[in-house]
PDB file of N, CA and C in Angstrom:
ATOM      1  N   MET A   1      13.083  65.012  85.226  1.00  0.00           N
ATOM      2  CA  MET A   1      13.356  63.816  85.968  1.00  0.00           C
ATOM      3  C   MET A   1      14.852  63.529  85.885  1.00  0.00           C
ATOM      4  N   SER A   2      15.485  63.301  87.010  1.00  0.00           N
ATOM      5  CA  SER A   2      16.914  63.022  87.007  1.00  0.00           C
ATOM      6  C   SER A   2      17.162  61.535  86.827  1.00  0.00           C
ATOM      7  N   GLN A   3      18.323  61.228  86.262  1.00  0.00           N
ATOM      8  CA  GLN A   3      18.718  59.851  85.988  1.00  0.00           C
ATOM      9  C   GLN A   3      20.100  59.609  86.585  1.00  0.00           C
ATOM     10  N   PRO A   4      20.316  58.463  87.224  1.00  0.00           N
ATOM     11  CA  PRO A   4      21.674  58.160  87.678  1.00  0.00           C
ATOM     12  C   PRO A   4      22.557  57.823  86.473  1.00  0.00           C
ATOM     13  N   VAL A   5      23.766  58.339  86.487  1.00  0.00           N
ATOM     14  CA  VAL A   5      24.708  58.115  85.387  1.00  0.00           C
ATOM     15  C   VAL A   5      26.073  57.811  85.996  1.00  0.00           C
ATOM     16  N   LYS A   6      26.798  56.848  85.424  1.00  0.00           N
ATOM     17  CA  LYS A   6      28.147  56.545  85.889  1.00  0.00           C
ATOM     18  C   LYS A   6      29.120  57.486  85.192  1.00  0.00           C
ATOM     19  N   LEU A   7      29.934  58.153  85.981  1.00  0.00           N
ATOM     20  CA  LEU A   7      30.942  59.071  85.459  1.00  0.00           C
ATOM     21  C   LEU A   7      32.294  58.691  86.043  1.00  0.00           C
ATOM     22  N   SER A   8      33.347  58.989  85.315  1.00  0.00           N
ATOM     23  CA  SER A   8      34.688  58.670  85.811  1.00  0.00           C
ATOM     24  C   SER A   8      35.011  59.555  87.011  1.00  0.00           C
ATOM     25  N   ASP A   9      35.830  59.023  87.889  1.00  0.00           N
ATOM     26  CA  ASP A   9      36.267  59.802  89.054  1.00  0.00           C
ATOM     27  C   ASP A   9      36.995  61.066  88.608  1.00  0.00           C
ATOM     28  N   GLU A  10      37.744  60.972  87.516  1.00  0.00           N
ATOM     29  CA  GLU A  10      38.507  62.103  86.995  1.00  0.00           C
ATOM     30  C   GLU A  10      37.573  63.245  86.569  1.00  0.00           C
ATOM     31  N   LEU A  11      36.501  62.904  85.848  1.00  0.00           N
ATOM     32  CA  LEU A  11      35.545  63.922  85.409  1.00  0.00           C
ATOM     33  C   LEU A  11      34.857  64.557  86.607  1.00  0.00           C
ATOM     34  N   VAL A  12      34.471  63.768  87.582  1.00  0.00           N
ATOM     35  CA  VAL A  12      33.797  64.296  88.769  1.00  0.00           C
ATOM     36  C   VAL A  12      34.740  65.217  89.543  1.00  0.00           C
ATOM     37  N   LEU A  13      36.010  64.835  89.668  1.00  0.00           N
ATOM     38  CA  LEU A  13      36.980  65.686  90.360  1.00  0.00           C
ATOM     39  C   LEU A  13      37.167  66.999  89.617  1.00  0.00           C
ATOM     40  N   ASP A  14      37.312  66.937  88.293  1.00  0.00           N
ATOM     41  CA  ASP A  14      37.444  68.167  87.504  1.00  0.00           C
ATOM     42  C   ASP A  14      36.213  69.048  87.657  1.00  0.00           C
ATOM     43  N   ALA A  15      35.040  68.454  87.642  1.00  0.00           N
ATOM     44  CA  ALA A  15      33.805  69.226  87.805  1.00  0.00           C
ATOM     45  C   ALA A  15      33.739  69.844  89.196  1.00  0.00           C
ATOM     46  N   ARG A  16      34.187  69.105  90.211  1.00  0.00           N
ATOM     47  CA  ARG A  16      34.170  69.651  91.571  1.00  0.00           C
ATOM     48  C   ARG A  16      35.115  70.839  91.688  1.00  0.00           C
ATOM     49  N   LEU A  17      36.355  70.695  91.172  1.00  0.00           N
ATOM     50  CA  LEU A  17      37.335  71.774  91.268  1.00  0.00           C
ATOM     51  C   LEU A  17      36.906  73.005  90.478  1.00  0.00           C
ATOM     52  N   THR A  18      36.429  72.782  89.257  1.00  0.00           N
ATOM     53  CA  THR A  18      35.976  73.896  88.427  1.00  0.00           C
ATOM     54  C   THR A  18      34.715  74.512  89.013  1.00  0.00           C
ATOM     55  N   GLY A  19      33.799  73.681  89.457  1.00  0.00           N
ATOM     56  CA  GLY A  19      32.555  74.162  90.047  1.00  0.00           C
ATOM     57  C   GLY A  19      32.781  74.996  91.285  1.00  0.00           C
ATOM     58  N   GLU A  20      33.751  74.614  92.118  1.00  0.00           N
ATOM     59  CA  GLU A  20      34.054  75.403  93.315  1.00  0.00           C
ATOM     60  C   GLU A  20      34.496  76.808  92.940  1.00  0.00           C
ATOM     61  N   LEU A  21      35.323  76.920  91.901  1.00  0.00           N
ATOM     62  CA  LEU A  21      35.789  78.235  91.464  1.00  0.00           C
ATOM     63  C   LEU A  21      34.642  79.103  90.976  1.00  0.00           C
ATOM     64  N   LEU A  22      33.670  78.480  90.319  1.00  0.00           N
ATOM     65  CA  LEU A  22      32.570  79.220  89.710  1.00  0.00           C
ATOM     66  C   LEU A  22      31.277  79.133  90.519  1.00  0.00           C
ATOM     67  N   GLU A  23      31.386  78.578  91.726  1.00  0.00           N
ATOM     68  CA  GLU A  23      30.250  78.452  92.640  1.00  0.00           C
ATOM     69  C   GLU A  23      29.094  77.673  92.020  1.00  0.00           C
ATOM     70  N   ARG A  24      29.448  76.522  91.447  1.00  0.00           N
ATOM     71  CA  ARG A  24      28.441  75.608  90.895  1.00  0.00           C
ATOM     72  C   ARG A  24      28.577  74.266  91.590  1.00  0.00           C
ATOM     73  N   SER A  25      27.504  73.514  91.606  1.00  0.00           N
ATOM     74  CA  SER A  25      27.563  72.150  92.113  1.00  0.00           C
ATOM     75  C   SER A  25      28.260  71.276  91.071  1.00  0.00           C
ATOM     76  N   ILE A  26      28.651  70.082  91.478  1.00  0.00           N
ATOM     77  CA  ILE A  26      29.266  69.141  90.536  1.00  0.00           C
ATOM     78  C   ILE A  26      28.297  68.862  89.392  1.00  0.00           C
ATOM     79  N   GLY A  27      27.039  68.567  89.744  1.00  0.00           N
ATOM     80  CA  GLY A  27      26.029  68.307  88.717  1.00  0.00           C
ATOM     81  C   GLY A  27      25.801  69.505  87.816  1.00  0.00           C
ATOM     82  N   GLY A  28      25.766  70.703  88.401  1.00  0.00           N
ATOM     83  CA  GLY A  28      25.578  71.918  87.608  1.00  0.00           C
ATOM     84  C   GLY A  28      26.713  72.149  86.630  1.00  0.00           C
ATOM     85  N   GLN A  29      27.955  71.857  87.076  1.00  0.00           N
ATOM     86  CA  GLN A  29      29.116  72.037  86.198  1.00  0.00           C
ATOM     87  C   GLN A  29      29.078  71.039  85.050  1.00  0.00           C
ATOM     88  N   ILE A  30      28.765  69.780  85.347  1.00  0.00           N
ATOM     89  CA  ILE A  30      28.711  68.761  84.295  1.00  0.00           C
ATOM     90  C   ILE A  30      27.567  69.062  83.327  1.00  0.00           C
ATOM     91  N   GLU A  31      26.437  69.541  83.833  1.00  0.00           N
ATOM     92  CA  GLU A  31      25.324  69.918  82.950  1.00  0.00           C
ATOM     93  C   GLU A  31      25.732  71.064  82.029  1.00  0.00           C
ATOM     94  N   LEU A  32      26.473  72.052  82.572  1.00  0.00           N
ATOM     95  CA  LEU A  32      26.937  73.161  81.735  1.00  0.00           C
ATOM     96  C   LEU A  32      27.842  72.651  80.623  1.00  0.00           C
ATOM     97  N   TRP A  33      28.796  71.775  80.976  1.00  0.00           N
ATOM     98  CA  TRP A  33      29.685  71.217  79.954  1.00  0.00           C
ATOM     99  C   TRP A  33      28.881  70.458  78.900  1.00  0.00           C
ATOM    100  N   ALA A  34      27.890  69.715  79.323  1.00  0.00           N
ATOM    101  CA  ALA A  34      27.067  68.956  78.373  1.00  0.00           C
ATOM    102  C   ALA A  34      26.279  69.900  77.463  1.00  0.00           C
ATOM    103  N   GLN A  35      25.734  70.966  78.027  1.00  0.00           N
ATOM    104  CA  GLN A  35      24.979  71.933  77.217  1.00  0.00           C
ATOM    105  C   GLN A  35      25.879  72.614  76.199  1.00  0.00           C
ATOM    106  N   LEU A  36      27.096  72.967  76.613  1.00  0.00           N
ATOM    107  CA  LEU A  36      28.038  73.590  75.677  1.00  0.00           C
ATOM    108  C   LEU A  36      28.399  72.623  74.552  1.00  0.00           C
ATOM    109  N   GLY A  37      28.674  71.380  74.908  1.00  0.00           N
ATOM    110  CA  GLY A  37      28.994  70.380  73.892  1.00  0.00           C
ATOM    111  C   GLY A  37      27.851  70.162  72.933  1.00  0.00           C
ATOM    112  N   ARG A  38      26.633  70.099  73.456  1.00  0.00           N
ATOM    113  CA  ARG A  38      25.459  69.886  72.601  1.00  0.00           C
ATOM    114  C   ARG A  38      25.251  71.071  71.660  1.00  0.00           C
ATOM    115  N   ALA A  39      25.517  72.299  72.159  1.00  0.00           N
ATOM    116  CA  ALA A  39      25.345  73.489  71.325  1.00  0.00           C
ATOM    117  C   ALA A  39      26.418  73.589  70.243  1.00  0.00           C
ATOM    118  N   LEU A  40      27.628  73.162  70.549  1.00  0.00           N
ATOM    119  CA  LEU A  40      28.732  73.297  69.597  1.00  0.00           C
ATOM    120  C   LEU A  40      28.825  72.169  68.589  1.00  0.00           C
ATOM    121  N   GLU A  41      28.381  70.999  68.962  1.00  0.00           N
ATOM    122  CA  GLU A  41      28.551  69.833  68.104  1.00  0.00           C
ATOM    123  C   GLU A  41      28.008  70.034  66.688  1.00  0.00           C
ATOM    124  N   PRO A  42      26.810  70.604  66.484  1.00  0.00           N
ATOM    125  CA  PRO A  42      26.318  70.786  65.115  1.00  0.00           C
ATOM    126  C   PRO A  42      27.154  71.773  64.286  1.00  0.00           C
ATOM    127  N   LEU A  43      27.898  72.652  64.971  1.00  0.00           N
ATOM    128  CA  LEU A  43      28.698  73.646  64.265  1.00  0.00           C
ATOM    129  C   LEU A  43      30.026  73.084  63.767  1.00  0.00           C
ATOM    130  N   LEU A  44      30.443  71.988  64.332  1.00  0.00           N
ATOM    131  CA  LEU A  44      31.721  71.393  63.950  1.00  0.00           C
ATOM    132  C   LEU A  44      31.510  70.318  62.898  1.00  0.00           C
ATOM    133  N   GLN A  45      32.360  70.334  61.881  1.00  0.00           N
ATOM    134  CA  GLN A  45      32.298  69.296  60.864  1.00  0.00           C
ATOM    135  C   GLN A  45      32.990  68.052  61.409  1.00  0.00           C
ATOM    136  N   GLY A  46      32.593  66.896  60.924  1.00  0.00           N
ATOM    137  CA  GLY A  46      33.140  65.633  61.405  1.00  0.00           C
ATOM    138  C   GLY A  46      34.654  65.580  61.390  1.00  0.00           C
ATOM    139  N   ALA A  47      35.274  66.068  60.316  1.00  0.00           N
ATOM    140  CA  ALA A  47      36.734  66.037  60.208  1.00  0.00           C
ATOM    141  C   ALA A  47      37.367  66.933  61.273  1.00  0.00           C
ATOM    142  N   VAL A  48      36.726  68.059  61.575  1.00  0.00           N
ATOM    143  CA  VAL A  48      37.255  68.971  62.586  1.00  0.00           C
ATOM    144  C   VAL A  48      37.187  68.309  63.959  1.00  0.00           C
ATOM    145  N   VAL A  49      36.084  67.639  64.232  1.00  0.00           N
ATOM    146  CA  VAL A  49      35.932  66.949  65.512  1.00  0.00           C
ATOM    147  C   VAL A  49      37.013  65.888  65.659  1.00  0.00           C
ATOM    148  N   MET A  50      37.240  65.103  64.619  1.00  0.00           N
ATOM    149  CA  MET A  50      38.263  64.060  64.674  1.00  0.00           C
ATOM    150  C   MET A  50      39.648  64.666  64.894  1.00  0.00           C
ATOM    151  N   ALA A  51      39.953  65.763  64.196  1.00  0.00           N
ATOM    152  CA  ALA A  51      41.258  66.411  64.350  1.00  0.00           C
ATOM    153  C   ALA A  51      41.423  66.947  65.765  1.00  0.00           C
ATOM    154  N   LEU A  52      40.366  67.528  66.312  1.00  0.00           N
ATOM    155  CA  LEU A  52      40.440  68.042  67.678  1.00  0.00           C
ATOM    156  C   LEU A  52      40.652  66.905  68.677  1.00  0.00           C
ATOM    157  N   ARG A  53      39.985  65.791  68.454  1.00  0.00           N
ATOM    158  CA  ARG A  53      40.135  64.646  69.358  1.00  0.00           C
ATOM    159  C   ARG A  53      41.557  64.090  69.295  1.00  0.00           C
ATOM    160  N   LYS A  54      42.111  64.003  68.069  1.00  0.00           N
ATOM    161  CA  LYS A  54      43.459  63.461  67.923  1.00  0.00           C
ATOM    162  C   LYS A  54      44.505  64.416  68.509  1.00  0.00           C
ATOM    163  N   ALA A  55      44.381  65.695  68.201  1.00  0.00           N
ATOM    164  CA  ALA A  55      45.376  66.669  68.625  1.00  0.00           C
ATOM    165  C   ALA A  55      45.129  67.160  70.038  1.00  0.00           C
ATOM    166  N   GLY A  56      43.906  67.024  70.512  1.00  0.00           N
ATOM    167  CA  GLY A  56      43.510  67.586  71.798  1.00  0.00           C
ATOM    168  C   GLY A  56      44.397  67.192  72.943  1.00  0.00           C
ATOM    169  N   LYS A  57      44.423  65.924  73.250  1.00  0.00           N
ATOM    170  CA  LYS A  57      45.205  65.436  74.370  1.00  0.00           C
ATOM    171  C   LYS A  57      45.175  66.429  75.531  1.00  0.00           C
ATOM    172  N   ILE A  58      44.031  67.004  75.768  1.00  0.00           N
ATOM    173  CA  ILE A  58      43.879  67.978  76.835  1.00  0.00           C
ATOM    174  C   ILE A  58      43.916  67.245  78.161  1.00  0.00           C
ATOM    175  N   GLN A  59      44.746  67.736  79.052  1.00  0.00           N
ATOM    176  CA  GLN A  59      44.850  67.111  80.359  1.00  0.00           C
ATOM    177  C   GLN A  59      43.752  67.663  81.258  1.00  0.00           C
ATOM    178  N   PRO A  60      43.172  66.821  82.076  1.00  0.00           N
ATOM    179  CA  PRO A  60      42.138  67.294  82.982  1.00  0.00           C
ATOM    180  C   PRO A  60      42.716  68.242  84.028  1.00  0.00           C
ATOM    181  N   LEU A  61      41.869  69.112  84.554  1.00  0.00           N
ATOM    182  CA  LEU A  61      42.277  70.089  85.547  1.00  0.00           C
ATOM    183  C   LEU A  61      42.934  69.419  86.747  1.00  0.00           C
ATOM    184  N   SER A  62      42.415  68.274  87.172  1.00  0.00           N
ATOM    185  CA  SER A  62      42.981  67.588  88.338  1.00  0.00           C
ATOM    186  C   SER A  62      44.445  67.212  88.093  1.00  0.00           C
ATOM    187  N   HIS A  63      44.769  66.775  86.875  1.00  0.00           N
ATOM    188  CA  HIS A  63      46.156  66.429  86.554  1.00  0.00           C
ATOM    189  C   HIS A  63      47.038  67.679  86.565  1.00  0.00           C
ATOM    190  N   CYS A  64      46.541  68.761  85.975  1.00  0.00           N
ATOM    191  CA  CYS A  64      47.313  70.009  85.936  1.00  0.00           C
ATOM    192  C   CYS A  64      47.606  70.511  87.340  1.00  0.00           C
ATOM    193  N   LEU A  65      46.603  70.464  88.211  1.00  0.00           N
ATOM    194  CA  LEU A  65      46.805  70.933  89.578  1.00  0.00           C
ATOM    195  C   LEU A  65      47.789  70.059  90.332  1.00  0.00           C
ATOM    196  N   SER A  66      47.753  68.757  90.082  1.00  0.00           N
ATOM    197  CA  SER A  66      48.651  67.852  90.806  1.00  0.00           C
ATOM    198  C   SER A  66      50.095  68.010  90.347  1.00  0.00           C
ATOM    199  N   SER A  67      50.320  68.556  89.169  1.00  0.00           N
ATOM    200  CA  SER A  67      51.688  68.671  88.650  1.00  0.00           C
ATOM    201  C   SER A  67      52.254  70.083  88.742  1.00  0.00           C
ATOM    202  N   ILE A  68      51.531  71.000  89.375  1.00  0.00           N
ATOM    203  CA  ILE A  68      51.984  72.394  89.420  1.00  0.00           C
ATOM    204  C   ILE A  68      53.335  72.531  90.101  1.00  0.00           C
ATOM    205  N   ASP A  69      53.486  71.939  91.280  1.00  0.00           N
ATOM    206  CA  ASP A  69      54.720  72.116  92.037  1.00  0.00           C
ATOM    207  C   ASP A  69      55.713  71.003  91.736  1.00  0.00           C
ATOM    208  N   GLY A  70      56.010  70.846  90.474  1.00  0.00           N
ATOM    209  CA  GLY A  70      56.987  69.847  90.043  1.00  0.00           C
ATOM    210  C   GLY A  70      57.670  70.356  88.796  1.00  0.00           C
ATOM    211  N   PRO A  71      58.605  69.613  88.264  1.00  0.00           N
ATOM    212  CA  PRO A  71      59.339  70.058  87.073  1.00  0.00           C
ATOM    213  C   PRO A  71      58.427  70.368  85.889  1.00  0.00           C
ATOM    214  N   GLU A  72      57.418  69.514  85.664  1.00  0.00           N
ATOM    215  CA  GLU A  72      56.507  69.731  84.533  1.00  0.00           C
ATOM    216  C   GLU A  72      55.715  71.033  84.698  1.00  0.00           C
ATOM    217  N   GLY A  73      55.221  71.275  85.901  1.00  0.00           N
ATOM    218  CA  GLY A  73      54.453  72.489  86.170  1.00  0.00           C
ATOM    219  C   GLY A  73      55.304  73.741  86.065  1.00  0.00           C
ATOM    220  N   ARG A  74      56.514  73.671  86.589  1.00  0.00           N
ATOM    221  CA  ARG A  74      57.413  74.838  86.507  1.00  0.00           C
ATOM    222  C   ARG A  74      57.763  75.150  85.047  1.00  0.00           C
ATOM    223  N   LYS A  75      57.928  74.094  84.241  1.00  0.00           N
ATOM    224  CA  LYS A  75      58.224  74.304  82.821  1.00  0.00           C
ATOM    225  C   LYS A  75      57.046  74.962  82.119  1.00  0.00           C
ATOM    226  N   ARG A  76      55.807  74.513  82.428  1.00  0.00           N
ATOM    227  CA  ARG A  76      54.630  75.123  81.818  1.00  0.00           C
ATOM    228  C   ARG A  76      54.535  76.604  82.174  1.00  0.00           C
ATOM    229  N   VAL A  77      54.801  76.938  83.434  1.00  0.00           N
ATOM    230  CA  VAL A  77      54.749  78.335  83.870  1.00  0.00           C
ATOM    231  C   VAL A  77      55.825  79.146  83.164  1.00  0.00           C
ATOM    232  N   ALA A  78      57.049  78.614  83.108  1.00  0.00           N
ATOM    233  CA  ALA A  78      58.144  79.321  82.436  1.00  0.00           C
ATOM    234  C   ALA A  78      57.834  79.534  80.956  1.00  0.00           C
ATOM    235  N   ASP A  79      57.292  78.502  80.290  1.00  0.00           N
ATOM    236  CA  ASP A  79      56.934  78.634  78.872  1.00  0.00           C
ATOM    237  C   ASP A  79      55.864  79.701  78.679  1.00  0.00           C
ATOM    238  N   PHE A  80      54.855  79.686  79.549  1.00  0.00           N
ATOM    239  CA  PHE A  80      53.780  80.678  79.453  1.00  0.00           C
ATOM    240  C   PHE A  80      54.328  82.086  79.659  1.00  0.00           C
ATOM    241  N   LEU A  81      55.132  82.273  80.704  1.00  0.00           N
ATOM    242  CA  LEU A  81      55.649  83.609  81.002  1.00  0.00           C
ATOM    243  C   LEU A  81      56.578  84.121  79.910  1.00  0.00           C
ATOM    244  N   SER A  82      57.337  83.222  79.290  1.00  0.00           N
ATOM    245  CA  SER A  82      58.259  83.662  78.231  1.00  0.00           C
ATOM    246  C   SER A  82      57.511  84.143  76.991  1.00  0.00           C
ATOM    247  N   GLN A  83      56.257  83.762  76.837  1.00  0.00           N
ATOM    248  CA  GLN A  83      55.466  84.178  75.683  1.00  0.00           C
ATOM    249  C   GLN A  83      54.694  85.471  75.940  1.00  0.00           C
ATOM    250  N   GLN A  84      54.740  85.973  77.172  1.00  0.00           N
ATOM    251  CA  GLN A  84      54.007  87.184  77.516  1.00  0.00           C
ATOM    252  C   GLN A  84      54.790  88.417  77.063  1.00  0.00           C
ATOM    253  N   PRO A  85      54.094  89.554  76.923  1.00  0.00           N
ATOM    254  CA  PRO A  85      54.790  90.780  76.509  1.00  0.00           C
ATOM    255  C   PRO A  85      55.826  91.210  77.553  1.00  0.00           C
ATOM    256  N   PHE A  86      56.780  91.985  77.094  1.00  0.00           N
ATOM    257  CA  PHE A  86      57.820  92.486  77.984  1.00  0.00           C
ATOM    258  C   PHE A  86      57.238  93.557  78.884  1.00  0.00           C
ATOM    259  N   PRO A  87      57.850  93.831  80.032  1.00  0.00           N
ATOM    260  CA  PRO A  87      59.081  93.256  80.562  1.00  0.00           C
ATOM    261  C   PRO A  87      58.857  91.878  81.159  1.00  0.00           C
ATOM    262  N   HIS A  88      59.954  91.090  81.212  1.00  0.00           N
ATOM    263  CA  HIS A  88      59.947  89.787  81.864  1.00  0.00           C
ATOM    264  C   HIS A  88      60.708  89.919  83.182  1.00  0.00           C
ATOM    265  N   TYR A  89      60.289  89.135  84.161  1.00  0.00           N
ATOM    266  CA  TYR A  89      60.924  89.161  85.479  1.00  0.00           C
ATOM    267  C   TYR A  89      61.365  87.760  85.871  1.00  0.00           C
ATOM    268  N   SER A  90      62.491  87.690  86.569  1.00  0.00           N
ATOM    269  CA  SER A  90      62.950  86.423  87.142  1.00  0.00           C
ATOM    270  C   SER A  90      63.728  86.759  88.410  1.00  0.00           C
ATOM    271  N   GLN A  91      64.045  85.738  89.186  1.00  0.00           N
ATOM    272  CA  GLN A  91      64.811  85.964  90.399  1.00  0.00           C
ATOM    273  C   GLN A  91      66.208  86.411  90.011  1.00  0.00           C
ATOM    274  N   ALA A  92      66.685  87.476  90.646  1.00  0.00           N
ATOM    275  CA  ALA A  92      68.029  87.989  90.342  1.00  0.00           C
ATOM    276  C   ALA A  92      69.069  87.012  90.875  1.00  0.00           C
ATOM    277  N   PRO A  93      69.963  86.544  90.013  1.00  0.00           N
ATOM    278  CA  PRO A  93      70.963  85.576  90.459  1.00  0.00           C
ATOM    279  C   PRO A  93      71.871  86.164  91.541  1.00  0.00           C
ATOM    280  N   GLY A  94      71.993  85.437  92.639  1.00  0.00           N
ATOM    281  CA  GLY A  94      72.893  85.856  93.711  1.00  0.00           C
ATOM    282  C   GLY A  94      72.401  87.048  94.510  1.00  0.00           C
ATOM    283  N   ARG A  95      71.168  87.469  94.305  1.00  0.00           N
ATOM    284  CA  ARG A  95      70.629  88.638  95.026  1.00  0.00           C
ATOM    285  C   ARG A  95      69.287  88.250  95.638  1.00  0.00           C
ATOM    286  N   ALA A  96      69.320  87.661  96.811  1.00  0.00           N
ATOM    287  CA  ALA A  96      68.112  87.179  97.482  1.00  0.00           C
ATOM    288  C   ALA A  96      67.101  88.308  97.665  1.00  0.00           C
ATOM    289  N   GLY A  97      65.866  88.023  97.347  1.00  0.00           N
ATOM    290  CA  GLY A  97      64.786  88.989  97.541  1.00  0.00           C
ATOM    291  C   GLY A  97      64.659  90.024  96.435  1.00  0.00           C
ATOM    292  N   LEU A  98      65.496  89.943  95.397  1.00  0.00           N
ATOM    293  CA  LEU A  98      65.435  90.907  94.303  1.00  0.00           C
ATOM    294  C   LEU A  98      65.072  90.209  92.994  1.00  0.00           C
ATOM    295  N   LEU A  99      64.528  90.988  92.077  1.00  0.00           N
ATOM    296  CA  LEU A  99      64.121  90.489  90.763  1.00  0.00           C
ATOM    297  C   LEU A  99      65.004  91.067  89.677  1.00  0.00           C
ATOM    298  N   LEU A 100      65.137  90.310  88.599  1.00  0.00           N
ATOM    299  CA  LEU A 100      65.829  90.784  87.406  1.00  0.00           C
ATOM    300  C   LEU A 100      64.764  91.138  86.392  1.00  0.00           C
ATOM    301  N   ARG A 101      64.742  92.381  85.935  1.00  0.00           N
ATOM    302  CA  ARG A 101      63.774  92.840  84.942  1.00  0.00           C
ATOM    303  C   ARG A 101      64.480  92.895  83.591  1.00  0.00           C
ATOM    304  N   VAL A 102      63.856  92.291  82.562  1.00  0.00           N
ATOM    305  CA  VAL A 102      64.403  92.303  81.205  1.00  0.00           C
ATOM    306  C   VAL A 102      63.386  93.002  80.313  1.00  0.00           C
ATOM    307  N   ASP A 103      63.795  94.120  79.703  1.00  0.00           N
ATOM    308  CA  ASP A 103      62.920  94.869  78.802  1.00  0.00           C
ATOM    309  C   ASP A 103      63.033  94.321  77.379  1.00  0.00           C
ATOM    310  N   ALA A 104      62.129  94.745  76.499  1.00  0.00           N
ATOM    311  CA  ALA A 104      62.081  94.247  75.119  1.00  0.00           C
ATOM    312  C   ALA A 104      63.391  94.483  74.370  1.00  0.00           C
ATOM    313  N   ASP A 105      64.104  95.560  74.694  1.00  0.00           N
ATOM    314  CA  ASP A 105      65.355  95.855  73.999  1.00  0.00           C
ATOM    315  C   ASP A 105      66.551  95.120  74.606  1.00  0.00           C
ATOM    316  N   GLY A 106      66.296  94.283  75.623  1.00  0.00           N
ATOM    317  CA  GLY A 106      67.365  93.512  76.247  1.00  0.00           C
ATOM    318  C   GLY A 106      67.970  94.173  77.473  1.00  0.00           C
ATOM    319  N   THR A 107      67.548  95.399  77.782  1.00  0.00           N
ATOM    320  CA  THR A 107      68.043  96.093  78.962  1.00  0.00           C
ATOM    321  C   THR A 107      67.620  95.346  80.214  1.00  0.00           C
ATOM    322  N   THR A 108      68.549  95.175  81.142  1.00  0.00           N
ATOM    323  CA  THR A 108      68.227  94.493  82.391  1.00  0.00           C
ATOM    324  C   THR A 108      68.427  95.443  83.563  1.00  0.00           C
ATOM    325  N   SER A 109      67.633  95.231  84.610  1.00  0.00           N
ATOM    326  CA  SER A 109      67.809  95.975  85.850  1.00  0.00           C
ATOM    327  C   SER A 109      67.367  95.094  87.002  1.00  0.00           C
ATOM    328  N   VAL A 110      67.969  95.320  88.154  1.00  0.00           N
ATOM    329  CA  VAL A 110      67.663  94.555  89.360  1.00  0.00           C
ATOM    330  C   VAL A 110      66.878  95.457  90.294  1.00  0.00           C
ATOM    331  N   GLY A 111      65.847  94.905  90.917  1.00  0.00           N
ATOM    332  CA  GLY A 111      65.052  95.705  91.844  1.00  0.00           C
ATOM    333  C   GLY A 111      63.964  94.872  92.482  1.00  0.00           C
ATOM    334  N   ARG A 112      62.933  95.554  92.979  1.00  0.00           N
ATOM    335  CA  ARG A 112      61.808  94.880  93.628  1.00  0.00           C
ATOM    336  C   ARG A 112      60.552  95.700  93.382  1.00  0.00           C
ATOM    337  N   PHE A 113      59.419  95.073  93.644  1.00  0.00           N
ATOM    338  CA  PHE A 113      58.153  95.780  93.514  1.00  0.00           C
ATOM    339  C   PHE A 113      57.821  96.469  94.835  1.00  0.00           C
ATOM    340  N   VAL A 114      57.486  97.746  94.749  1.00  0.00           N
ATOM    341  CA  VAL A 114      57.046  98.516  95.894  1.00  0.00           C
ATOM    342  C   VAL A 114      55.745  99.182  95.486  1.00  0.00           C
ATOM    343  N   GLY A 115      54.667  98.878  96.190  1.00  0.00           N
ATOM    344  CA  GLY A 115      53.372  99.461  95.836  1.00  0.00           C
ATOM    345  C   GLY A 115      52.961  99.127  94.406  1.00  0.00           C
ATOM    346  N   ARG A 116      53.231  97.889  93.962  1.00  0.00           N
ATOM    347  CA  ARG A 116      52.874  97.397  92.626  1.00  0.00           C
ATOM    348  C   ARG A 116      53.671  98.047  91.504  1.00  0.00           C
ATOM    349  N   ARG A 117      54.747  98.729  91.847  1.00  0.00           N
ATOM    350  CA  ARG A 117      55.625  99.345  90.829  1.00  0.00           C
ATOM    351  C   ARG A 117      57.043  98.829  91.031  1.00  0.00           C
ATOM    352  N   PHE A 118      57.709  98.539  89.908  1.00  0.00           N
ATOM    353  CA  PHE A 118      59.079  98.054  89.980  1.00  0.00           C
ATOM    354  C   PHE A 118      59.998  99.211  90.314  1.00  0.00           C
ATOM    355  N   GLN A 119      60.804  99.047  91.355  1.00  0.00           N
ATOM    356  CA  GLN A 119      61.762 100.052  91.774  1.00  0.00           C
ATOM    357  C   GLN A 119      63.169  99.471  91.644  1.00  0.00           C
ATOM    358  N   PRO A 120      64.023 100.054  90.801  1.00  0.00           N
ATOM    359  CA  PRO A 120      65.392  99.544  90.694  1.00  0.00           C
ATOM    360  C   PRO A 120      66.112  99.635  92.040  1.00  0.00           C
ATOM    361  N   ALA A 121      66.961  98.652  92.320  1.00  0.00           N
ATOM    362  CA  ALA A 121      67.740  98.638  93.560  1.00  0.00           C
ATOM    363  C   ALA A 121      68.907  99.611  93.425  1.00  0.00           C
ATOM    364  N   THR A 122      69.290 100.166  94.559  1.00  0.00           N
ATOM    365  CA  THR A 122      70.428 101.110  94.544  1.00  0.00           C
ATOM    366  C   THR A 122      71.709 100.409  94.889  1.00  0.00           C
TER     367      THR A 122
END
């Protein structure tokens, strides 16, 4: 038997966006989250739950998506990419349409991707 429940607009939006990616209904996505929470709750000690709640400050998906094309979103992407294994790529300064490749040893080269492979520019 289903029951009407009041949910925040933010939670419903996050469930809709996440559900669309995973081909679930809003209700199906929220039920999945509830089932996961119910399954995990007995495994977590009270102090761990409190620490996660205090430190969590997890932003909802809707907020993350709304901030992607702004300074905050660009910083998150740059921080994430800088933590990835080498090589790193960025736009080549003063060379429109070309990338700057930085290898683990600090070697740099300018080029572009052709057929999913980096080709140094001549």
